[in-house]
Amino acid sequence: MRNSYLLVPFVFFFVFSLSCKTLNVQDNSSEIDVRLIEYFGDNNFETIWNLSKSYVIGVERESEKERTPGLPKPIQFVVFKLDESDWIYERKIQDGTVSWHDEFIVKIYDYQGSIDQAELKDNYMLLDVRTKKLSQPTLNEK
């Protein structure tokens, strides 16, 4: 009990450091949201961060009212690096999805035309955000 007065500053410092880290991530999200609103012209988008929160994919969402059931779902996306003022990569595809493959690689599925399910899993491109190079994976990478 005598040393409990030493515990109070430690707990205060620990809680303070956690709150600063949370605030920093929220500030970064706000900055990216502003940049994506400028890019897409509205706030109808979602953000997909990489694990280290150093890069983000902004994906424009199409409202269900505007979408015709059974037709392809076009998406537009842009990739930003947090500390750069311009985007790294942008693309619009007629039908597909975009996600993080790993820390610095974006996986872009482009479902052009009618493809059966067996071919669908192999129909993607990889974007290395560090080099800004787009590539088709080799058989060993799939």
N, C-alpha and C. Protein backbone atom coordinates (compact mmCIF):
# COMPACT_ATOMS: atom_id res chain seq x y z
N MET A 1 0.81 -1.19 0.00
CA MET A 1 0.00 0.00 0.00
C MET A 1 0.86 1.26 0.00
N ARG A 2 2.07 1.16 0.61
CA ARG A 2 2.94 2.33 0.68
C ARG A 2 3.37 2.80 -0.71
N ASN A 3 3.53 1.90 -1.65
CA ASN A 3 4.01 2.26 -2.97
C ASN A 3 2.89 2.55 -3.96
N SER A 4 1.67 2.60 -3.50
CA SER A 4 0.54 2.84 -4.40
C SER A 4 0.60 4.24 -5.01
N TYR A 5 1.22 5.20 -4.35
CA TYR A 5 1.35 6.53 -4.92
C TYR A 5 2.25 6.53 -6.15
N LEU A 6 3.12 5.55 -6.29
CA LEU A 6 3.95 5.42 -7.50
C LEU A 6 3.16 4.84 -8.67
N LEU A 7 2.13 4.10 -8.37
CA LEU A 7 1.31 3.48 -9.40
C LEU A 7 0.43 4.49 -10.12
N VAL A 8 -0.04 5.50 -9.43
CA VAL A 8 -0.95 6.48 -10.01
C VAL A 8 -0.31 7.19 -11.21
N PRO A 9 0.91 7.73 -11.13
CA PRO A 9 1.49 8.37 -12.32
C PRO A 9 1.69 7.39 -13.48
N PHE A 10 2.06 6.16 -13.17
CA PHE A 10 2.24 5.16 -14.22
C PHE A 10 0.93 4.90 -14.97
N VAL A 11 -0.16 4.71 -14.24
CA VAL A 11 -1.47 4.47 -14.85
C VAL A 11 -1.88 5.69 -15.67
N PHE A 12 -1.69 6.88 -15.13
CA PHE A 12 -2.04 8.11 -15.86
C PHE A 12 -1.26 8.19 -17.17
N PHE A 13 0.05 7.94 -17.14
CA PHE A 13 0.88 7.99 -18.34
C PHE A 13 0.42 6.95 -19.37
N PHE A 14 0.11 5.74 -18.91
CA PHE A 14 -0.33 4.67 -19.80
C PHE A 14 -1.63 5.05 -20.51
N VAL A 15 -2.61 5.53 -19.76
CA VAL A 15 -3.91 5.92 -20.34
C VAL A 15 -3.72 7.09 -21.29
N PHE A 16 -2.90 8.06 -20.92
CA PHE A 16 -2.64 9.22 -21.77
C PHE A 16 -2.00 8.80 -23.10
N SER A 17 -1.03 7.89 -23.05
CA SER A 17 -0.36 7.45 -24.28
C SER A 17 -1.32 6.71 -25.20
N LEU A 18 -2.22 5.92 -24.66
CA LEU A 18 -3.22 5.23 -25.49
C LEU A 18 -4.17 6.21 -26.14
N SER A 19 -4.61 7.22 -25.40
CA SER A 19 -5.55 8.19 -25.95
C SER A 19 -4.89 9.02 -27.05
N CYS A 20 -3.61 9.34 -26.93
CA CYS A 20 -2.91 10.09 -27.98
C CYS A 20 -2.82 9.27 -29.26
N LYS A 21 -2.56 7.99 -29.15
CA LYS A 21 -2.47 7.14 -30.34
C LYS A 21 -3.83 7.06 -31.04
N THR A 22 -4.91 6.92 -30.28
CA THR A 22 -6.25 6.88 -30.86
C THR A 22 -6.58 8.20 -31.54
N LEU A 23 -6.23 9.31 -30.92
CA LEU A 23 -6.50 10.62 -31.50
C LEU A 23 -5.74 10.79 -32.80
N ASN A 24 -4.49 10.32 -32.87
CA ASN A 24 -3.69 10.43 -34.07
C ASN A 24 -4.34 9.67 -35.23
N VAL A 25 -4.83 8.47 -35.00
CA VAL A 25 -5.49 7.69 -36.05
C VAL A 25 -6.77 8.39 -36.50
N GLN A 26 -7.53 8.97 -35.56
CA GLN A 26 -8.75 9.68 -35.93
C GLN A 26 -8.43 10.91 -36.75
N ASP A 27 -7.36 11.65 -36.40
CA ASP A 27 -6.96 12.81 -37.19
C ASP A 27 -6.59 12.41 -38.60
N ASN A 28 -5.85 11.31 -38.76
CA ASN A 28 -5.47 10.82 -40.08
C ASN A 28 -6.71 10.43 -40.88
N SER A 29 -7.68 9.80 -40.23
CA SER A 29 -8.90 9.41 -40.92
C SER A 29 -9.66 10.64 -41.40
N SER A 30 -9.72 11.67 -40.59
CA SER A 30 -10.42 12.89 -40.97
C SER A 30 -9.75 13.55 -42.18
N GLU A 31 -8.42 13.59 -42.17
CA GLU A 31 -7.68 14.17 -43.29
C GLU A 31 -7.96 13.40 -44.57
N ILE A 32 -7.92 12.08 -44.49
CA ILE A 32 -8.20 11.24 -45.67
C ILE A 32 -9.64 11.42 -46.12
N ASP A 33 -10.59 11.47 -45.17
CA ASP A 33 -11.99 11.67 -45.54
C ASP A 33 -12.17 12.96 -46.34
N VAL A 34 -11.52 14.03 -45.93
CA VAL A 34 -11.61 15.31 -46.65
C VAL A 34 -11.05 15.15 -48.06
N ARG A 35 -9.91 14.48 -48.17
CA ARG A 35 -9.30 14.28 -49.49
C ARG A 35 -10.19 13.42 -50.39
N LEU A 36 -10.85 12.40 -49.81
CA LEU A 36 -11.73 11.54 -50.61
C LEU A 36 -13.01 12.25 -51.01
N ILE A 37 -13.53 13.10 -50.16
CA ILE A 37 -14.71 13.90 -50.54
C ILE A 37 -14.35 14.80 -51.70
N GLU A 38 -13.16 15.42 -51.66
CA GLU A 38 -12.71 16.25 -52.78
C GLU A 38 -12.56 15.40 -54.05
N TYR A 39 -12.06 14.20 -53.91
CA TYR A 39 -11.82 13.34 -55.08
C TYR A 39 -13.14 12.84 -55.68
N PHE A 40 -14.02 12.28 -54.84
CA PHE A 40 -15.26 11.69 -55.35
C PHE A 40 -16.38 12.71 -55.51
N GLY A 41 -16.28 13.85 -54.86
CA GLY A 41 -17.32 14.88 -54.98
C GLY A 41 -18.44 14.73 -53.98
N ASP A 42 -18.43 13.69 -53.19
CA ASP A 42 -19.43 13.51 -52.13
C ASP A 42 -18.83 12.58 -51.08
N ASN A 43 -19.63 12.20 -50.10
CA ASN A 43 -19.11 11.33 -49.05
C ASN A 43 -19.65 9.91 -49.14
N ASN A 44 -19.97 9.47 -50.34
CA ASN A 44 -20.48 8.12 -50.56
C ASN A 44 -19.32 7.19 -50.91
N PHE A 45 -18.45 6.92 -49.92
CA PHE A 45 -17.29 6.08 -50.15
C PHE A 45 -16.98 5.32 -48.86
N GLU A 46 -16.14 4.31 -48.99
CA GLU A 46 -15.64 3.61 -47.82
C GLU A 46 -14.12 3.61 -47.88
N THR A 47 -13.49 3.50 -46.72
CA THR A 47 -12.03 3.47 -46.65
C THR A 47 -11.57 2.09 -46.18
N ILE A 48 -10.50 1.62 -46.80
CA ILE A 48 -9.90 0.34 -46.43
C ILE A 48 -8.42 0.61 -46.15
N TRP A 49 -8.03 0.57 -44.89
CA TRP A 49 -6.65 0.87 -44.49
C TRP A 49 -5.80 -0.39 -44.53
N ASN A 50 -4.49 -0.22 -44.81
CA ASN A 50 -3.56 -1.34 -44.64
C ASN A 50 -3.28 -1.49 -43.15
N LEU A 51 -2.56 -2.53 -42.76
CA LEU A 51 -2.36 -2.82 -41.33
C LEU A 51 -1.66 -1.71 -40.58
N SER A 52 -0.67 -1.07 -41.19
CA SER A 52 0.10 -0.03 -40.49
C SER A 52 -0.56 1.35 -40.58
N LYS A 53 -1.69 1.44 -41.27
CA LYS A 53 -2.42 2.71 -41.44
C LYS A 53 -1.58 3.75 -42.19
N SER A 54 -0.70 3.30 -43.07
CA SER A 54 0.13 4.21 -43.85
C SER A 54 -0.43 4.44 -45.26
N TYR A 55 -1.27 3.53 -45.73
CA TYR A 55 -1.92 3.63 -47.02
C TYR A 55 -3.41 3.35 -46.84
N VAL A 56 -4.22 3.95 -47.71
CA VAL A 56 -5.66 3.72 -47.65
C VAL A 56 -6.23 3.63 -49.07
N ILE A 57 -7.21 2.74 -49.22
CA ILE A 57 -7.96 2.63 -50.47
C ILE A 57 -9.30 3.32 -50.22
N GLY A 58 -9.65 4.25 -51.06
CA GLY A 58 -10.97 4.87 -51.02
C GLY A 58 -11.81 4.28 -52.14
N VAL A 59 -12.96 3.70 -51.80
CA VAL A 59 -13.81 3.04 -52.79
C VAL A 59 -15.15 3.77 -52.83
N GLU A 60 -15.51 4.25 -54.00
CA GLU A 60 -16.79 4.92 -54.17
C GLU A 60 -17.90 3.88 -54.12
N ARG A 61 -18.92 4.15 -53.32
CA ARG A 61 -20.06 3.23 -53.22
C ARG A 61 -21.17 3.74 -54.11
N GLU A 62 -21.79 2.81 -54.80
CA GLU A 62 -22.94 3.14 -55.63
C GLU A 62 -24.19 2.83 -54.82
N SER A 63 -25.11 3.76 -54.80
CA SER A 63 -26.32 3.51 -54.01
C SER A 63 -27.14 2.41 -54.66
N GLU A 64 -27.85 1.66 -53.84
CA GLU A 64 -28.67 0.55 -54.35
C GLU A 64 -29.81 1.06 -55.23
N LYS A 65 -30.26 2.30 -55.01
CA LYS A 65 -31.33 2.87 -55.84
C LYS A 65 -30.87 3.04 -57.28
N GLU A 66 -29.59 3.42 -57.46
CA GLU A 66 -29.05 3.67 -58.80
C GLU A 66 -28.65 2.38 -59.51
N ARG A 67 -28.52 1.32 -58.77
CA ARG A 67 -28.02 0.07 -59.33
C ARG A 67 -29.17 -0.79 -59.85
N THR A 68 -28.98 -1.36 -61.05
CA THR A 68 -29.96 -2.26 -61.63
C THR A 68 -29.58 -3.68 -61.23
N PRO A 69 -30.49 -4.40 -60.55
CA PRO A 69 -30.17 -5.77 -60.13
C PRO A 69 -29.80 -6.65 -61.33
N GLY A 70 -28.80 -7.49 -61.14
CA GLY A 70 -28.37 -8.42 -62.18
C GLY A 70 -27.33 -7.85 -63.12
N LEU A 71 -27.12 -6.52 -63.10
CA LEU A 71 -26.11 -5.92 -63.96
C LEU A 71 -24.81 -5.73 -63.17
N PRO A 72 -23.69 -5.61 -63.87
CA PRO A 72 -22.41 -5.41 -63.17
C PRO A 72 -22.46 -4.20 -62.24
N LYS A 73 -21.66 -4.27 -61.19
CA LYS A 73 -21.58 -3.19 -60.22
C LYS A 73 -20.26 -2.44 -60.44
N PRO A 74 -20.29 -1.31 -61.18
CA PRO A 74 -19.04 -0.59 -61.41
C PRO A 74 -18.54 0.05 -60.11
N ILE A 75 -17.23 0.01 -59.92
CA ILE A 75 -16.64 0.67 -58.76
C ILE A 75 -15.47 1.54 -59.22
N GLN A 76 -15.28 2.62 -58.50
CA GLN A 76 -14.13 3.49 -58.71
C GLN A 76 -13.36 3.53 -57.41
N PHE A 77 -12.04 3.44 -57.50
CA PHE A 77 -11.25 3.49 -56.28
C PHE A 77 -9.97 4.28 -56.51
N VAL A 78 -9.40 4.72 -55.41
CA VAL A 78 -8.17 5.48 -55.42
C VAL A 78 -7.33 5.04 -54.22
N VAL A 79 -6.01 5.02 -54.38
CA VAL A 79 -5.11 4.63 -53.30
C VAL A 79 -4.28 5.85 -52.90
N PHE A 80 -4.28 6.17 -51.62
CA PHE A 80 -3.49 7.28 -51.08
C PHE A 80 -2.43 6.75 -50.13
N LYS A 81 -1.28 7.42 -50.12
CA LYS A 81 -0.31 7.24 -49.06
C LYS A 81 -0.55 8.38 -48.08
N LEU A 82 -0.57 8.09 -46.82
CA LEU A 82 -0.97 9.06 -45.82
C LEU A 82 -0.18 10.35 -45.88
N ASP A 83 1.12 10.29 -46.06
CA ASP A 83 1.92 11.51 -46.01
C ASP A 83 2.19 12.14 -47.38
N GLU A 84 1.48 11.72 -48.42
CA GLU A 84 1.61 12.33 -49.73
C GLU A 84 0.34 13.08 -50.08
N SER A 85 0.49 14.16 -50.84
CA SER A 85 -0.68 14.99 -51.14
C SER A 85 -1.49 14.48 -52.33
N ASP A 86 -0.89 13.66 -53.17
CA ASP A 86 -1.59 13.17 -54.34
C ASP A 86 -1.84 11.67 -54.23
N TRP A 87 -2.76 11.15 -55.03
CA TRP A 87 -3.03 9.72 -54.97
C TRP A 87 -1.93 8.95 -55.70
N ILE A 88 -1.83 7.68 -55.36
CA ILE A 88 -0.83 6.79 -55.94
C ILE A 88 -1.38 6.10 -57.18
N TYR A 89 -2.66 5.72 -57.11
CA TYR A 89 -3.26 4.94 -58.19
C TYR A 89 -4.76 5.16 -58.16
N GLU A 90 -5.36 5.21 -59.33
CA GLU A 90 -6.82 5.32 -59.42
C GLU A 90 -7.29 4.46 -60.57
N ARG A 91 -8.50 3.95 -60.43
CA ARG A 91 -9.04 3.09 -61.48
C ARG A 91 -10.55 2.97 -61.32
N LYS A 92 -11.22 2.78 -62.45
CA LYS A 92 -12.65 2.48 -62.45
C LYS A 92 -12.79 1.17 -63.20
N ILE A 93 -13.50 0.22 -62.58
CA ILE A 93 -13.73 -1.06 -63.23
C ILE A 93 -15.23 -1.32 -63.31
N GLN A 94 -15.63 -2.04 -64.33
CA GLN A 94 -17.05 -2.27 -64.58
C GLN A 94 -17.71 -3.16 -63.54
N ASP A 95 -16.97 -4.10 -63.03
CA ASP A 95 -17.51 -5.01 -62.03
C ASP A 95 -16.34 -5.64 -61.31
N GLY A 96 -16.32 -5.58 -59.99
CA GLY A 96 -15.22 -6.16 -59.28
C GLY A 96 -15.13 -5.72 -57.84
N THR A 97 -13.99 -6.04 -57.23
CA THR A 97 -13.73 -5.67 -55.84
C THR A 97 -12.26 -5.29 -55.71
N VAL A 98 -11.95 -4.63 -54.62
CA VAL A 98 -10.59 -4.24 -54.31
C VAL A 98 -10.36 -4.47 -52.82
N SER A 99 -9.17 -4.97 -52.47
CA SER A 99 -8.85 -5.24 -51.06
C SER A 99 -7.34 -5.28 -50.89
N TRP A 100 -6.89 -5.35 -49.64
CA TRP A 100 -5.46 -5.50 -49.37
C TRP A 100 -5.10 -6.97 -49.43
N HIS A 101 -4.07 -7.29 -50.21
CA HIS A 101 -3.52 -8.64 -50.31
C HIS A 101 -2.53 -8.86 -49.17
N ASP A 102 -1.71 -7.85 -48.91
CA ASP A 102 -0.81 -7.81 -47.76
C ASP A 102 -0.52 -6.34 -47.43
N GLU A 103 0.50 -6.07 -46.68
CA GLU A 103 0.78 -4.71 -46.19
C GLU A 103 0.92 -3.67 -47.30
N PHE A 104 1.54 -4.03 -48.42
CA PHE A 104 1.80 -3.06 -49.48
C PHE A 104 1.27 -3.48 -50.85
N ILE A 105 0.47 -4.51 -50.89
CA ILE A 105 -0.06 -5.01 -52.16
C ILE A 105 -1.59 -4.95 -52.15
N VAL A 106 -2.14 -4.30 -53.17
CA VAL A 106 -3.59 -4.22 -53.34
C VAL A 106 -4.01 -5.28 -54.35
N LYS A 107 -5.05 -6.02 -54.02
CA LYS A 107 -5.59 -7.05 -54.93
C LYS A 107 -6.83 -6.46 -55.60
N ILE A 108 -6.82 -6.45 -56.93
CA ILE A 108 -7.91 -5.87 -57.72
C ILE A 108 -8.56 -6.97 -58.55
N TYR A 109 -9.79 -7.32 -58.19
CA TYR A 109 -10.57 -8.28 -58.98
C TYR A 109 -11.37 -7.50 -60.00
N ASP A 110 -11.28 -7.87 -61.25
CA ASP A 110 -12.04 -7.23 -62.32
C ASP A 110 -12.86 -8.32 -63.01
N TYR A 111 -14.15 -8.36 -62.69
CA TYR A 111 -15.03 -9.42 -63.20
C TYR A 111 -15.62 -9.00 -64.54
N GLN A 112 -14.82 -8.84 -65.56
CA GLN A 112 -15.33 -8.41 -66.86
C GLN A 112 -16.11 -9.53 -67.50
N GLY A 113 -17.35 -9.24 -67.92
CA GLY A 113 -18.18 -10.24 -68.58
C GLY A 113 -18.64 -11.32 -67.62
N SER A 114 -19.24 -12.34 -68.15
CA SER A 114 -19.70 -13.47 -67.35
C SER A 114 -18.58 -14.49 -67.26
N ILE A 115 -18.14 -14.73 -66.06
CA ILE A 115 -17.07 -15.69 -65.82
C ILE A 115 -17.61 -16.75 -64.87
N ASP A 116 -17.30 -18.00 -65.12
CA ASP A 116 -17.75 -19.00 -64.17
C ASP A 116 -16.90 -18.92 -62.90
N GLN A 117 -17.40 -19.49 -61.82
CA GLN A 117 -16.76 -19.36 -60.50
C GLN A 117 -15.33 -19.91 -60.47
N ALA A 118 -15.04 -20.93 -61.25
CA ALA A 118 -13.69 -21.51 -61.26
C ALA A 118 -12.66 -20.52 -61.78
N GLU A 119 -13.02 -19.73 -62.80
CA GLU A 119 -12.10 -18.75 -63.36
C GLU A 119 -12.04 -17.49 -62.50
N LEU A 120 -13.09 -17.19 -61.77
CA LEU A 120 -13.21 -15.95 -61.02
C LEU A 120 -12.09 -15.77 -60.00
N LYS A 121 -11.72 -16.82 -59.30
CA LYS A 121 -10.71 -16.70 -58.24
C LYS A 121 -9.32 -16.36 -58.79
N ASP A 122 -9.07 -16.61 -60.06
CA ASP A 122 -7.77 -16.33 -60.65
C ASP A 122 -7.74 -15.04 -61.46
N ASN A 123 -8.83 -14.32 -61.54
CA ASN A 123 -8.93 -13.13 -62.38
C ASN A 123 -8.67 -11.86 -61.56
N TYR A 124 -7.40 -11.64 -61.17
CA TYR A 124 -7.08 -10.43 -60.42
C TYR A 124 -5.70 -9.91 -60.78
N MET A 125 -5.48 -8.65 -60.41
CA MET A 125 -4.19 -7.99 -60.60
C MET A 125 -3.67 -7.56 -59.24
N LEU A 126 -2.36 -7.40 -59.13
CA LEU A 126 -1.74 -6.95 -57.88
C LEU A 126 -1.06 -5.61 -58.12
N LEU A 127 -1.31 -4.66 -57.23
CA LEU A 127 -0.69 -3.34 -57.29
C LEU A 127 0.25 -3.19 -56.09
N ASP A 128 1.52 -3.00 -56.36
CA ASP A 128 2.49 -2.71 -55.30
C ASP A 128 2.47 -1.20 -55.08
N VAL A 129 2.00 -0.75 -53.93
CA VAL A 129 1.84 0.68 -53.69
C VAL A 129 3.18 1.39 -53.51
N ARG A 130 4.24 0.66 -53.19
CA ARG A 130 5.56 1.28 -53.03
C ARG A 130 6.16 1.64 -54.38
N THR A 131 6.00 0.76 -55.37
CA THR A 131 6.56 1.00 -56.70
C THR A 131 5.53 1.51 -57.69
N LYS A 132 4.25 1.44 -57.33
CA LYS A 132 3.12 1.85 -58.18
C LYS A 132 3.04 1.00 -59.45
N LYS A 133 3.48 -0.26 -59.35
CA LYS A 133 3.46 -1.18 -60.48
C LYS A 133 2.31 -2.17 -60.34
N LEU A 134 1.62 -2.37 -61.45
CA LEU A 134 0.52 -3.31 -61.53
C LEU A 134 1.02 -4.56 -62.22
N SER A 135 0.70 -5.73 -61.67
CA SER A 135 1.18 -6.98 -62.27
C SER A 135 0.12 -8.06 -62.15
N GLN A 136 0.24 -9.05 -63.02
CA GLN A 136 -0.60 -10.23 -62.95
C GLN A 136 0.19 -11.27 -62.17
N PRO A 137 -0.41 -11.89 -61.17
CA PRO A 137 0.34 -12.87 -60.38
C PRO A 137 0.72 -14.10 -61.20
N THR A 138 1.86 -14.67 -60.85
CA THR A 138 2.29 -15.91 -61.49
C THR A 138 1.53 -17.07 -60.83
N LEU A 139 1.65 -18.25 -61.42
CA LEU A 139 0.96 -19.40 -60.87
C LEU A 139 1.41 -19.70 -59.43
N ASN A 140 2.68 -19.43 -59.09
CA ASN A 140 3.18 -19.68 -57.74
C ASN A 140 2.59 -18.72 -56.72
N GLU A 141 2.19 -17.52 -57.15
CA GLU A 141 1.66 -16.51 -56.23
C GLU A 141 0.16 -16.70 -55.97
N LYS A 142 -0.52 -17.46 -56.82
CA LYS A 142 -1.98 -17.60 -56.69
C LYS A 142 -2.38 -18.54 -55.61
